[in-house]
Every structure is written in structure tokens, then in C-alpha cells.
Amino acid sequence: MTLDEILKEIKQADTVAILTHESPDGDAMGSSLAVKLMLEELGKQADVIIPEYSRCFRFLPSIEQIKEDTFVSQYDLAISVDCANFKRLAKNEHFENAKKTIVIDHHGSNNMYRRFKLC
């Protein structure tokens, strides 16, 4: 999938979830919030859903907007960042139930759990 195709999917989505791995490190936290800020620049509102994370990240921009969970049953688009394995994806039911999905990951061990992938 090209960047243009990913942008098309983002523009078509009304509801977007951003997810990462459980016990997120700085890479996962920063990536999740950066995607949220990028989506806001495109005029989209997105939910970053991270159930638990270290409070040492509270200095990050938009950290106060992270949700532990959501009542949205099906997002138009779910974007996974910095997670190579579906089993480690926190709140993966939101990814599974989404109409479209995108994985953005840099790990060589990524097991291709996505419908669309950007490395």
C-alpha cells in the first residue's frame, strides 16, 4: 500500500483508533501521539487507546487525550503503530472490528497481521 492509498483511507474514515503494544515504551507512546497530531492536521479526530502506560511520559504533547478504552464498537479505521505482533496489540478488539486497518511498524519480526501495511 502506498502513502497515497493510506492517505485516501484516512480521508474516508470518520472514526479512527490508534493502537500500540501493551506496556508501551517511548517509541510506542511517541508514535501513537505523533499519528494523532498528524491526523488532527488533516482535520480528523482520532482516539489513542492505551490502557496502561508509565507516567514518565506525561510531558508528551496531547498525553491527556489518551483513552484507556472506548465505547465505540466499530471504528472506520484502526491504525496500529510500533507493534509487530497482534497478540501484543493492546485493545486489539478495536483493530479486529475496524472496517479498515493499517499497520505502521519498523520491526523485522512483524508477522503481517494487517490488511494494509506500511513499513
PDB file of N, CA and C in Angstrom:
ATOM      1  N   MET A   1       0.850  -1.171   0.000  1.00  0.00           N
ATOM      2  CA  MET A   1       0.000   0.000   0.000  1.00  0.00           C
ATOM      3  C   MET A   1       0.895   1.233   0.000  1.00  0.00           C
ATOM      4  N   THR A   2       0.578   2.164  -0.855  1.00  0.00           N
ATOM      5  CA  THR A   2       1.364   3.387  -0.955  1.00  0.00           C
ATOM      6  C   THR A   2       0.887   4.423   0.052  1.00  0.00           C
ATOM      7  N   LEU A   3       1.702   5.459   0.234  1.00  0.00           N
ATOM      8  CA  LEU A   3       1.293   6.554   1.118  1.00  0.00           C
ATOM      9  C   LEU A   3       0.039   7.242   0.608  1.00  0.00           C
ATOM     10  N   ASP A   4      -0.100   7.352  -0.704  1.00  0.00           N
ATOM     11  CA  ASP A   4      -1.309   7.955  -1.273  1.00  0.00           C
ATOM     12  C   ASP A   4      -2.543   7.119  -0.945  1.00  0.00           C
ATOM     13  N   GLU A   5      -2.404   5.805  -0.986  1.00  0.00           N
ATOM     14  CA  GLU A   5      -3.535   4.924  -0.649  1.00  0.00           C
ATOM     15  C   GLU A   5      -3.883   5.021   0.827  1.00  0.00           C
ATOM     16  N   ILE A   6      -2.863   5.126   1.659  1.00  0.00           N
ATOM     17  CA  ILE A   6      -3.100   5.281   3.099  1.00  0.00           C
ATOM     18  C   ILE A   6      -3.810   6.601   3.373  1.00  0.00           C
ATOM     19  N   LEU A   7      -3.350   7.666   2.726  1.00  0.00           N
ATOM     20  CA  LEU A   7      -3.995   8.966   2.887  1.00  0.00           C
ATOM     21  C   LEU A   7      -5.453   8.909   2.450  1.00  0.00           C
ATOM     22  N   LYS A   8      -5.733   8.202   1.380  1.00  0.00           N
ATOM     23  CA  LYS A   8      -7.111   8.042   0.903  1.00  0.00           C
ATOM     24  C   LYS A   8      -7.965   7.353   1.978  1.00  0.00           C
ATOM     25  N   GLU A   9      -7.441   6.289   2.587  1.00  0.00           N
ATOM     26  CA  GLU A   9      -8.176   5.583   3.648  1.00  0.00           C
ATOM     27  C   GLU A   9      -8.427   6.501   4.836  1.00  0.00           C
ATOM     28  N   ILE A  10      -7.434   7.293   5.194  1.00  0.00           N
ATOM     29  CA  ILE A  10      -7.593   8.228   6.312  1.00  0.00           C
ATOM     30  C   ILE A  10      -8.668   9.254   5.997  1.00  0.00           C
ATOM     31  N   LYS A  11      -8.638   9.804   4.801  1.00  0.00           N
ATOM     32  CA  LYS A  11      -9.616  10.826   4.425  1.00  0.00           C
ATOM     33  C   LYS A  11     -11.037  10.275   4.392  1.00  0.00           C
ATOM     34  N   GLN A  12     -11.198   8.998   4.078  1.00  0.00           N
ATOM     35  CA  GLN A  12     -12.530   8.392   4.000  1.00  0.00           C
ATOM     36  C   GLN A  12     -13.082   8.009   5.372  1.00  0.00           C
ATOM     37  N   ALA A  13     -12.235   7.941   6.373  1.00  0.00           N
ATOM     38  CA  ALA A  13     -12.657   7.481   7.700  1.00  0.00           C
ATOM     39  C   ALA A  13     -13.260   8.607   8.519  1.00  0.00           C
ATOM     40  N   ASP A  14     -14.383   8.317   9.162  1.00  0.00           N
ATOM     41  CA  ASP A  14     -14.983   9.254  10.104  1.00  0.00           C
ATOM     42  C   ASP A  14     -14.491   8.995  11.521  1.00  0.00           C
ATOM     43  N   THR A  15     -14.264   7.728  11.858  1.00  0.00           N
ATOM     44  CA  THR A  15     -13.779   7.364  13.188  1.00  0.00           C
ATOM     45  C   THR A  15     -12.459   6.618  13.038  1.00  0.00           C
ATOM     46  N   VAL A  16     -11.466   7.036  13.837  1.00  0.00           N
ATOM     47  CA  VAL A  16     -10.130   6.449  13.751  1.00  0.00           C
ATOM     48  C   VAL A  16      -9.639   6.096  15.149  1.00  0.00           C
ATOM     49  N   ALA A  17      -9.107   4.886  15.280  1.00  0.00           N
ATOM     50  CA  ALA A  17      -8.468   4.450  16.523  1.00  0.00           C
ATOM     51  C   ALA A  17      -6.978   4.273  16.254  1.00  0.00           C
ATOM     52  N   ILE A  18      -6.168   4.701  17.205  1.00  0.00           N
ATOM     53  CA  ILE A  18      -4.727   4.493  17.138  1.00  0.00           C
ATOM     54  C   ILE A  18      -4.353   3.592  18.308  1.00  0.00           C
ATOM     55  N   LEU A  19      -3.696   2.495  17.984  1.00  0.00           N
ATOM     56  CA  LEU A  19      -3.370   1.477  18.976  1.00  0.00           C
ATOM     57  C   LEU A  19      -1.880   1.162  18.936  1.00  0.00           C
ATOM     58  N   THR A  20      -1.344   0.665  20.054  1.00  0.00           N
ATOM     59  CA  THR A  20       0.041   0.211  20.105  1.00  0.00           C
ATOM     60  C   THR A  20       0.142  -0.972  21.053  1.00  0.00           C
ATOM     61  N   HIS A  21       1.356  -1.432  21.277  1.00  0.00           N
ATOM     62  CA  HIS A  21       1.548  -2.637  22.096  1.00  0.00           C
ATOM     63  C   HIS A  21       1.330  -2.366  23.578  1.00  0.00           C
ATOM     64  N   GLU A  22       1.035  -3.436  24.310  1.00  0.00           N
ATOM     65  CA  GLU A  22       0.863  -3.333  25.750  1.00  0.00           C
ATOM     66  C   GLU A  22       2.194  -2.938  26.392  1.00  0.00           C
ATOM     67  N   SER A  23       2.139  -2.335  27.554  1.00  0.00           N
ATOM     68  CA  SER A  23       3.314  -1.805  28.254  1.00  0.00           C
ATOM     69  C   SER A  23       4.179  -0.971  27.310  1.00  0.00           C
ATOM     70  N   PRO A  24       3.608   0.076  26.726  1.00  0.00           N
ATOM     71  CA  PRO A  24       4.320   0.833  25.694  1.00  0.00           C
ATOM     72  C   PRO A  24       5.566   1.555  26.216  1.00  0.00           C
ATOM     73  N   ASP A  25       6.589   1.546  25.371  1.00  0.00           N
ATOM     74  CA  ASP A  25       7.817   2.282  25.639  1.00  0.00           C
ATOM     75  C   ASP A  25       7.711   3.661  24.993  1.00  0.00           C
ATOM     76  N   GLY A  26       8.780   4.424  25.036  1.00  0.00           N
ATOM     77  CA  GLY A  26       8.766   5.770  24.475  1.00  0.00           C
ATOM     78  C   GLY A  26       8.496   5.784  22.982  1.00  0.00           C
ATOM     79  N   ASP A  27       9.003   4.793  22.267  1.00  0.00           N
ATOM     80  CA  ASP A  27       8.780   4.686  20.828  1.00  0.00           C
ATOM     81  C   ASP A  27       7.285   4.536  20.528  1.00  0.00           C
ATOM     82  N   ALA A  28       6.640   3.662  21.250  1.00  0.00           N
ATOM     83  CA  ALA A  28       5.206   3.414  21.048  1.00  0.00           C
ATOM     84  C   ALA A  28       4.361   4.631  21.441  1.00  0.00           C
ATOM     85  N   MET A  29       4.701   5.241  22.554  1.00  0.00           N
ATOM     86  CA  MET A  29       3.942   6.411  23.013  1.00  0.00           C
ATOM     87  C   MET A  29       4.116   7.577  22.039  1.00  0.00           C
ATOM     88  N   GLY A  30       5.356   7.858  21.685  1.00  0.00           N
ATOM     89  CA  GLY A  30       5.625   8.962  20.776  1.00  0.00           C
ATOM     90  C   GLY A  30       5.000   8.750  19.412  1.00  0.00           C
ATOM     91  N   SER A  31       5.080   7.521  18.900  1.00  0.00           N
ATOM     92  CA  SER A  31       4.495   7.209  17.595  1.00  0.00           C
ATOM     93  C   SER A  31       2.985   7.378  17.613  1.00  0.00           C
ATOM     94  N   SER A  32       2.354   6.881  18.652  1.00  0.00           N
ATOM     95  CA  SER A  32       0.895   6.974  18.764  1.00  0.00           C
ATOM     96  C   SER A  32       0.428   8.420  18.781  1.00  0.00           C
ATOM     97  N   LEU A  33       1.078   9.228  19.599  1.00  0.00           N
ATOM     98  CA  LEU A  33       0.677  10.627  19.709  1.00  0.00           C
ATOM     99  C   LEU A  33       1.039  11.417  18.456  1.00  0.00           C
ATOM    100  N   ALA A  34       2.142  11.068  17.809  1.00  0.00           N
ATOM    101  CA  ALA A  34       2.514  11.745  16.566  1.00  0.00           C
ATOM    102  C   ALA A  34       1.487  11.474  15.470  1.00  0.00           C
ATOM    103  N   VAL A  35       0.994  10.239  15.390  1.00  0.00           N
ATOM    104  CA  VAL A  35      -0.040   9.910  14.402  1.00  0.00           C
ATOM    105  C   VAL A  35      -1.308  10.699  14.711  1.00  0.00           C
ATOM    106  N   LYS A  36      -1.656  10.806  15.983  1.00  0.00           N
ATOM    107  CA  LYS A  36      -2.835  11.591  16.362  1.00  0.00           C
ATOM    108  C   LYS A  36      -2.682  13.047  15.918  1.00  0.00           C
ATOM    109  N   LEU A  37      -1.537  13.647  16.181  1.00  0.00           N
ATOM    110  CA  LEU A  37      -1.308  15.037  15.804  1.00  0.00           C
ATOM    111  C   LEU A  37      -1.337  15.216  14.283  1.00  0.00           C
ATOM    112  N   MET A  38      -0.794  14.245  13.548  1.00  0.00           N
ATOM    113  CA  MET A  38      -0.822  14.289  12.088  1.00  0.00           C
ATOM    114  C   MET A  38      -2.269  14.220  11.588  1.00  0.00           C
ATOM    115  N   LEU A  39      -3.061  13.341  12.180  1.00  0.00           N
ATOM    116  CA  LEU A  39      -4.466  13.216  11.785  1.00  0.00           C
ATOM    117  C   LEU A  39      -5.233  14.504  12.080  1.00  0.00           C
ATOM    118  N   GLU A  40      -4.931  15.143  13.201  1.00  0.00           N
ATOM    119  CA  GLU A  40      -5.574  16.416  13.529  1.00  0.00           C
ATOM    120  C   GLU A  40      -5.235  17.479  12.491  1.00  0.00           C
ATOM    121  N   GLU A  41      -4.010  17.469  11.993  1.00  0.00           N
ATOM    122  CA  GLU A  41      -3.610  18.406  10.933  1.00  0.00           C
ATOM    123  C   GLU A  41      -4.425  18.175   9.666  1.00  0.00           C
ATOM    124  N   LEU A  42      -4.893  16.939   9.473  1.00  0.00           N
ATOM    125  CA  LEU A  42      -5.728  16.595   8.321  1.00  0.00           C
ATOM    126  C   LEU A  42      -7.219  16.816   8.609  1.00  0.00           C
ATOM    127  N   GLY A  43      -7.517  17.347   9.797  1.00  0.00           N
ATOM    128  CA  GLY A  43      -8.903  17.619  10.156  1.00  0.00           C
ATOM    129  C   GLY A  43      -9.649  16.427  10.722  1.00  0.00           C
ATOM    130  N   LYS A  44      -8.920  15.386  11.113  1.00  0.00           N
ATOM    131  CA  LYS A  44      -9.547  14.185  11.674  1.00  0.00           C
ATOM    132  C   LYS A  44      -9.398  14.180  13.190  1.00  0.00           C
ATOM    133  N   GLN A  45     -10.398  13.615  13.837  1.00  0.00           N
ATOM    134  CA  GLN A  45     -10.303  13.382  15.271  1.00  0.00           C
ATOM    135  C   GLN A  45     -10.059  11.890  15.455  1.00  0.00           C
ATOM    136  N   ALA A  46      -9.064  11.552  16.240  1.00  0.00           N
ATOM    137  CA  ALA A  46      -8.716  10.143  16.439  1.00  0.00           C
ATOM    138  C   ALA A  46      -8.593   9.844  17.919  1.00  0.00           C
ATOM    139  N   ASP A  47      -8.932   8.618  18.282  1.00  0.00           N
ATOM    140  CA  ASP A  47      -8.786   8.152  19.660  1.00  0.00           C
ATOM    141  C   ASP A  47      -7.494   7.352  19.775  1.00  0.00           C
ATOM    142  N   VAL A  48      -6.599   7.789  20.648  1.00  0.00           N
ATOM    143  CA  VAL A  48      -5.437   6.983  21.014  1.00  0.00           C
ATOM    144  C   VAL A  48      -5.877   6.162  22.215  1.00  0.00           C
ATOM    145  N   ILE A  49      -5.844   4.845  22.068  1.00  0.00           N
ATOM    146  CA  ILE A  49      -6.339   3.966  23.125  1.00  0.00           C
ATOM    147  C   ILE A  49      -5.160   3.159  23.676  1.00  0.00           C
ATOM    148  N   ILE A  50      -4.768   3.495  24.899  1.00  0.00           N
ATOM    149  CA  ILE A  50      -3.672   2.810  25.583  1.00  0.00           C
ATOM    150  C   ILE A  50      -4.118   2.593  27.030  1.00  0.00           C
ATOM    151  N   PRO A  51      -4.419   1.360  27.410  1.00  0.00           N
ATOM    152  CA  PRO A  51      -4.968   1.104  28.739  1.00  0.00           C
ATOM    153  C   PRO A  51      -4.034   1.457  29.899  1.00  0.00           C
ATOM    154  N   GLU A  52      -2.741   1.212  29.744  1.00  0.00           N
ATOM    155  CA  GLU A  52      -1.785   1.495  30.812  1.00  0.00           C
ATOM    156  C   GLU A  52      -0.470   1.946  30.209  1.00  0.00           C
ATOM    157  N   TYR A  53       0.125   2.956  30.826  1.00  0.00           N
ATOM    158  CA  TYR A  53       1.439   3.415  30.392  1.00  0.00           C
ATOM    159  C   TYR A  53       2.122   4.119  31.562  1.00  0.00           C
ATOM    160  N   SER A  54       3.435   4.209  31.484  1.00  0.00           N
ATOM    161  CA  SER A  54       4.215   4.847  32.530  1.00  0.00           C
ATOM    162  C   SER A  54       3.928   6.340  32.566  1.00  0.00           C
ATOM    163  N   ARG A  55       3.789   6.869  33.753  1.00  0.00           N
ATOM    164  CA  ARG A  55       3.532   8.298  33.922  1.00  0.00           C
ATOM    165  C   ARG A  55       4.761   9.142  33.564  1.00  0.00           C
ATOM    166  N   CYS A  56       5.914   8.504  33.315  1.00  0.00           N
ATOM    167  CA  CYS A  56       7.098   9.276  32.912  1.00  0.00           C
ATOM    168  C   CYS A  56       6.902   9.917  31.541  1.00  0.00           C
ATOM    169  N   PHE A  57       5.848   9.520  30.824  1.00  0.00           N
ATOM    170  CA  PHE A  57       5.561  10.090  29.503  1.00  0.00           C
ATOM    171  C   PHE A  57       4.614  11.280  29.558  1.00  0.00           C
ATOM    172  N   ARG A  58       4.256  11.732  30.738  1.00  0.00           N
ATOM    173  CA  ARG A  58       3.240  12.786  30.850  1.00  0.00           C
ATOM    174  C   ARG A  58       3.666  14.124  30.251  1.00  0.00           C
ATOM    175  N   PHE A  59       4.931  14.277  29.882  1.00  0.00           N
ATOM    176  CA  PHE A  59       5.402  15.513  29.240  1.00  0.00           C
ATOM    177  C   PHE A  59       5.063  15.552  27.747  1.00  0.00           C
ATOM    178  N   LEU A  60       4.650  14.433  27.164  1.00  0.00           N
ATOM    179  CA  LEU A  60       4.399  14.372  25.720  1.00  0.00           C
ATOM    180  C   LEU A  60       3.156  15.189  25.327  1.00  0.00           C
ATOM    181  N   PRO A  61       3.223  15.861  24.178  1.00  0.00           N
ATOM    182  CA  PRO A  61       2.060  16.627  23.706  1.00  0.00           C
ATOM    183  C   PRO A  61       0.840  15.732  23.524  1.00  0.00           C
ATOM    184  N   SER A  62      -0.293  16.202  23.959  1.00  0.00           N
ATOM    185  CA  SER A  62      -1.594  15.522  23.834  1.00  0.00           C
ATOM    186  C   SER A  62      -1.730  14.274  24.701  1.00  0.00           C
ATOM    187  N   ILE A  63      -0.821  14.062  25.642  1.00  0.00           N
ATOM    188  CA  ILE A  63      -0.879  12.868  26.500  1.00  0.00           C
ATOM    189  C   ILE A  63      -2.206  12.790  27.258  1.00  0.00           C
ATOM    190  N   GLU A  64      -2.772  13.954  27.591  1.00  0.00           N
ATOM    191  CA  GLU A  64      -4.023  13.972  28.358  1.00  0.00           C
ATOM    192  C   GLU A  64      -5.217  13.493  27.540  1.00  0.00           C
ATOM    193  N   GLN A  65      -5.039  13.340  26.245  1.00  0.00           N
ATOM    194  CA  GLN A  65      -6.130  12.884  25.389  1.00  0.00           C
ATOM    195  C   GLN A  65      -6.149  11.361  25.191  1.00  0.00           C
ATOM    196  N   ILE A  66      -5.167  10.663  25.760  1.00  0.00           N
ATOM    197  CA  ILE A  66      -5.156   9.202  25.635  1.00  0.00           C
ATOM    198  C   ILE A  66      -6.335   8.622  26.406  1.00  0.00           C
ATOM    199  N   LYS A  67      -6.984   7.638  25.786  1.00  0.00           N
ATOM    200  CA  LYS A  67      -8.110   6.956  26.426  1.00  0.00           C
ATOM    201  C   LYS A  67      -7.676   5.561  26.864  1.00  0.00           C
ATOM    202  N   GLU A  68      -8.195   5.125  28.017  1.00  0.00           N
ATOM    203  CA  GLU A  68      -7.929   3.751  28.461  1.00  0.00           C
ATOM    204  C   GLU A  68      -8.749   2.755  27.646  1.00  0.00           C
ATOM    205  N   ASP A  69      -9.923   3.174  27.220  1.00  0.00           N
ATOM    206  CA  ASP A  69     -10.798   2.346  26.382  1.00  0.00           C
ATOM    207  C   ASP A  69     -11.826   3.279  25.749  1.00  0.00           C
ATOM    208  N   THR A  70     -12.721   2.698  24.988  1.00  0.00           N
ATOM    209  CA  THR A  70     -13.724   3.486  24.286  1.00  0.00           C
ATOM    210  C   THR A  70     -15.020   2.706  24.192  1.00  0.00           C
ATOM    211  N   PHE A  71     -16.099   3.425  23.993  1.00  0.00           N
ATOM    212  CA  PHE A  71     -17.397   2.788  23.805  1.00  0.00           C
ATOM    213  C   PHE A  71     -17.729   2.607  22.329  1.00  0.00           C
ATOM    214  N   VAL A  72     -16.854   3.073  21.443  1.00  0.00           N
ATOM    215  CA  VAL A  72     -17.067   2.893  20.009  1.00  0.00           C
ATOM    216  C   VAL A  72     -16.937   1.411  19.701  1.00  0.00           C
ATOM    217  N   SER A  73     -17.959   0.821  19.106  1.00  0.00           N
ATOM    218  CA  SER A  73     -17.920  -0.618  18.836  1.00  0.00           C
ATOM    219  C   SER A  73     -17.182  -0.959  17.547  1.00  0.00           C
ATOM    220  N   GLN A  74     -17.210  -0.049  16.567  1.00  0.00           N
ATOM    221  CA  GLN A  74     -16.508  -0.301  15.311  1.00  0.00           C
ATOM    222  C   GLN A  74     -15.992   1.008  14.732  1.00  0.00           C
ATOM    223  N   TYR A  75     -14.688   1.100  14.636  1.00  0.00           N
ATOM    224  CA  TYR A  75     -14.067   2.271  14.005  1.00  0.00           C
ATOM    225  C   TYR A  75     -14.025   2.060  12.497  1.00  0.00           C
ATOM    226  N   ASP A  76     -14.073   3.158  11.757  1.00  0.00           N
ATOM    227  CA  ASP A  76     -13.897   3.075  10.310  1.00  0.00           C
ATOM    228  C   ASP A  76     -12.477   2.633   9.976  1.00  0.00           C
ATOM    229  N   LEU A  77     -11.521   3.114  10.783  1.00  0.00           N
ATOM    230  CA  LEU A  77     -10.107   2.822  10.534  1.00  0.00           C
ATOM    231  C   LEU A  77      -9.391   2.643  11.860  1.00  0.00           C
ATOM    232  N   ALA A  78      -8.578   1.587  11.946  1.00  0.00           N
ATOM    233  CA  ALA A  78      -7.706   1.387  13.100  1.00  0.00           C
ATOM    234  C   ALA A  78      -6.268   1.382  12.592  1.00  0.00           C
ATOM    235  N   ILE A  79      -5.437   2.152  13.250  1.00  0.00           N
ATOM    236  CA  ILE A  79      -4.028   2.233  12.884  1.00  0.00           C
ATOM    237  C   ILE A  79      -3.203   1.699  14.053  1.00  0.00           C
ATOM    238  N   SER A  80      -2.428   0.669  13.789  1.00  0.00           N
ATOM    239  CA  SER A  80      -1.515   0.110  14.775  1.00  0.00           C
ATOM    240  C   SER A  80      -0.131   0.682  14.524  1.00  0.00           C
ATOM    241  N   VAL A  81       0.516   1.159  15.584  1.00  0.00           N
ATOM    242  CA  VAL A  81       1.877   1.672  15.444  1.00  0.00           C
ATOM    243  C   VAL A  81       2.824   0.942  16.390  1.00  0.00           C
ATOM    244  N   ASP A  82       4.026   0.685  15.892  1.00  0.00           N
ATOM    245  CA  ASP A  82       5.113   0.105  16.693  1.00  0.00           C
ATOM    246  C   ASP A  82       4.736  -1.208  17.371  1.00  0.00           C
ATOM    247  N   CYS A  83       4.019  -2.064  16.682  1.00  0.00           N
ATOM    248  CA  CYS A  83       3.632  -3.354  17.254  1.00  0.00           C
ATOM    249  C   CYS A  83       3.766  -4.436  16.187  1.00  0.00           C
ATOM    250  N   ALA A  84       4.693  -5.363  16.396  1.00  0.00           N
ATOM    251  CA  ALA A  84       4.991  -6.385  15.395  1.00  0.00           C
ATOM    252  C   ALA A  84       4.081  -7.604  15.492  1.00  0.00           C
ATOM    253  N   ASN A  85       3.353  -7.736  16.598  1.00  0.00           N
ATOM    254  CA  ASN A  85       2.603  -8.958  16.836  1.00  0.00           C
ATOM    255  C   ASN A  85       1.194  -8.628  17.327  1.00  0.00           C
ATOM    256  N   PHE A  86       0.199  -9.165  16.665  1.00  0.00           N
ATOM    257  CA  PHE A  86      -1.198  -8.885  17.019  1.00  0.00           C
ATOM    258  C   PHE A  86      -1.505  -9.223  18.473  1.00  0.00           C
ATOM    259  N   LYS A  87      -0.925 -10.292  18.994  1.00  0.00           N
ATOM    260  CA  LYS A  87      -1.192 -10.689  20.376  1.00  0.00           C
ATOM    261  C   LYS A  87      -0.721  -9.642  21.380  1.00  0.00           C
ATOM    262  N   ARG A  88       0.276  -8.845  21.025  1.00  0.00           N
ATOM    263  CA  ARG A  88       0.782  -7.799  21.915  1.00  0.00           C
ATOM    264  C   ARG A  88       0.046  -6.480  21.747  1.00  0.00           C
ATOM    265  N   LEU A  89      -0.808  -6.380  20.753  1.00  0.00           N
ATOM    266  CA  LEU A  89      -1.528  -5.139  20.489  1.00  0.00           C
ATOM    267  C   LEU A  89      -2.588  -4.922  21.568  1.00  0.00           C
ATOM    268  N   ALA A  90      -2.414  -3.875  22.356  1.00  0.00           N
ATOM    269  CA  ALA A  90      -3.371  -3.571  23.421  1.00  0.00           C
ATOM    270  C   ALA A  90      -4.714  -3.183  22.805  1.00  0.00           C
ATOM    271  N   LYS A  91      -5.786  -3.656  23.391  1.00  0.00           N
ATOM    272  CA  LYS A  91      -7.147  -3.386  22.911  1.00  0.00           C
ATOM    273  C   LYS A  91      -7.305  -3.811  21.449  1.00  0.00           C
ATOM    274  N   ASN A  92      -6.748  -4.971  21.115  1.00  0.00           N
ATOM    275  CA  ASN A  92      -6.755  -5.442  19.727  1.00  0.00           C
ATOM    276  C   ASN A  92      -8.146  -5.723  19.184  1.00  0.00           C
ATOM    277  N   GLU A  93      -9.142  -5.784  20.042  1.00  0.00           N
ATOM    278  CA  GLU A  93     -10.510  -5.975  19.543  1.00  0.00           C
ATOM    279  C   GLU A  93     -10.954  -4.786  18.685  1.00  0.00           C
ATOM    280  N   HIS A  94     -10.432  -3.603  18.980  1.00  0.00           N
ATOM    281  CA  HIS A  94     -10.770  -2.429  18.165  1.00  0.00           C
ATOM    282  C   HIS A  94     -10.133  -2.535  16.775  1.00  0.00           C
ATOM    283  N   PHE A  95      -8.978  -3.156  16.706  1.00  0.00           N
ATOM    284  CA  PHE A  95      -8.320  -3.391  15.419  1.00  0.00           C
ATOM    285  C   PHE A  95      -9.087  -4.460  14.638  1.00  0.00           C
ATOM    286  N   GLU A  96      -9.432  -5.535  15.326  1.00  0.00           N
ATOM    287  CA  GLU A  96     -10.163  -6.646  14.694  1.00  0.00           C
ATOM    288  C   GLU A  96     -11.518  -6.217  14.152  1.00  0.00           C
ATOM    289  N   ASN A  97     -12.203  -5.339  14.873  1.00  0.00           N
ATOM    290  CA  ASN A  97     -13.557  -4.929  14.499  1.00  0.00           C
ATOM    291  C   ASN A  97     -13.601  -3.769  13.507  1.00  0.00           C
ATOM    292  N   ALA A  98     -12.474  -3.123  13.266  1.00  0.00           N
ATOM    293  CA  ALA A  98     -12.459  -1.947  12.379  1.00  0.00           C
ATOM    294  C   ALA A  98     -12.762  -2.346  10.934  1.00  0.00           C
ATOM    295  N   LYS A  99     -13.376  -1.422  10.212  1.00  0.00           N
ATOM    296  CA  LYS A  99     -13.687  -1.669   8.802  1.00  0.00           C
ATOM    297  C   LYS A  99     -12.418  -1.775   7.968  1.00  0.00           C
ATOM    298  N   LYS A 100     -11.435  -0.926   8.261  1.00  0.00           N
ATOM    299  CA  LYS A 100     -10.142  -0.939   7.568  1.00  0.00           C
ATOM    300  C   LYS A 100      -9.043  -0.854   8.615  1.00  0.00           C
ATOM    301  N   THR A 101      -7.872  -1.405   8.304  1.00  0.00           N
ATOM    302  CA  THR A 101      -6.753  -1.358   9.234  1.00  0.00           C
ATOM    303  C   THR A 101      -5.462  -1.027   8.507  1.00  0.00           C
ATOM    304  N   ILE A 102      -4.574  -0.384   9.246  1.00  0.00           N
ATOM    305  CA  ILE A 102      -3.240  -0.060   8.755  1.00  0.00           C
ATOM    306  C   ILE A 102      -2.253  -0.364   9.878  1.00  0.00           C
ATOM    307  N   VAL A 103      -1.141  -1.022   9.526  1.00  0.00           N
ATOM    308  CA  VAL A 103      -0.063  -1.267  10.473  1.00  0.00           C
ATOM    309  C   VAL A 103       1.137  -0.437  10.042  1.00  0.00           C
ATOM    310  N   ILE A 104       1.646   0.368  10.965  1.00  0.00           N
ATOM    311  CA  ILE A 104       2.865   1.128  10.737  1.00  0.00           C
ATOM    312  C   ILE A 104       3.880   0.603  11.753  1.00  0.00           C
ATOM    313  N   ASP A 105       4.891  -0.081  11.262  1.00  0.00           N
ATOM    314  CA  ASP A 105       5.812  -0.774  12.159  1.00  0.00           C
ATOM    315  C   ASP A 105       7.189  -0.889  11.527  1.00  0.00           C
ATOM    316  N   HIS A 106       8.216  -0.879  12.347  1.00  0.00           N
ATOM    317  CA  HIS A 106       9.588  -0.966  11.857  1.00  0.00           C
ATOM    318  C   HIS A 106      10.282  -2.261  12.253  1.00  0.00           C
ATOM    319  N   HIS A 107       9.600  -3.147  12.939  1.00  0.00           N
ATOM    320  CA  HIS A 107      10.216  -4.385  13.404  1.00  0.00           C
ATOM    321  C   HIS A 107      10.320  -5.432  12.293  1.00  0.00           C
ATOM    322  N   GLY A 108      11.480  -6.042  12.161  1.00  0.00           N
ATOM    323  CA  GLY A 108      11.671  -7.108  11.186  1.00  0.00           C
ATOM    324  C   GLY A 108      10.859  -8.349  11.514  1.00  0.00           C
ATOM    325  N   SER A 109      10.455  -8.475  12.772  1.00  0.00           N
ATOM    326  CA  SER A 109       9.692  -9.650  13.198  1.00  0.00           C
ATOM    327  C   SER A 109       8.190  -9.508  12.970  1.00  0.00           C
ATOM    328  N   ASN A 110       7.747  -8.409  12.337  1.00  0.00           N
ATOM    329  CA  ASN A 110       6.310  -8.211  12.117  1.00  0.00           C
ATOM    330  C   ASN A 110       5.736  -9.418  11.394  1.00  0.00           C
ATOM    331  N   ASN A 111       4.668  -9.984  11.961  1.00  0.00           N
ATOM    332  CA  ASN A 111       4.092 -11.218  11.405  1.00  0.00           C
ATOM    333  C   ASN A 111       2.945 -10.961  10.433  1.00  0.00           C
ATOM    334  N   MET A 112       2.855  -9.729   9.917  1.00  0.00           N
ATOM    335  CA  MET A 112       1.912  -9.418   8.844  1.00  0.00           C
ATOM    336  C   MET A 112       0.453  -9.643   9.247  1.00  0.00           C
ATOM    337  N   TYR A 113       0.051  -9.204  10.428  1.00  0.00           N
ATOM    338  CA  TYR A 113      -1.324  -9.393  10.907  1.00  0.00           C
ATOM    339  C   TYR A 113      -2.292  -8.393  10.318  1.00  0.00           C
ATOM    340  N   ARG A 114      -1.875  -7.579   9.443  1.00  0.00           N
ATOM    341  CA  ARG A 114      -2.662  -6.474   8.928  1.00  0.00           C
ATOM    342  C   ARG A 114      -3.397  -6.805   7.632  1.00  0.00           C
ATOM    343  N   ARG A 115      -4.286  -5.900   7.298  1.00  0.00           N
ATOM    344  CA  ARG A 115      -4.886  -5.906   5.974  1.00  0.00           C
ATOM    345  C   ARG A 115      -4.116  -4.953   5.068  1.00  0.00           C
ATOM    346  N   PHE A 116      -3.571  -3.882   5.631  1.00  0.00           N
ATOM    347  CA  PHE A 116      -2.698  -2.955   4.916  1.00  0.00           C
ATOM    348  C   PHE A 116      -1.463  -2.761   5.782  1.00  0.00           C
ATOM    349  N   LYS A 117      -0.313  -2.605   5.184  1.00  0.00           N
ATOM    350  CA  LYS A 117       0.903  -2.431   5.964  1.00  0.00           C
ATOM    351  C   LYS A 117       1.777  -1.356   5.372  1.00  0.00           C
ATOM    352  N   LEU A 118       2.358  -0.554   6.254  1.00  0.00           N
ATOM    353  CA  LEU A 118       3.354   0.437   5.859  1.00  0.00           C
ATOM    354  C   LEU A 118       4.557   0.213   6.765  1.00  0.00           C
ATOM    355  N   CYS A 119       5.702  -0.057   6.200  1.00  0.00           N
ATOM    356  CA  CYS A 119       6.938  -0.240   6.984  1.00  0.00           C
ATOM    357  C   CYS A 119       7.867   0.928   6.769  1.00  0.00           C
TER     358      CYS A 119
END
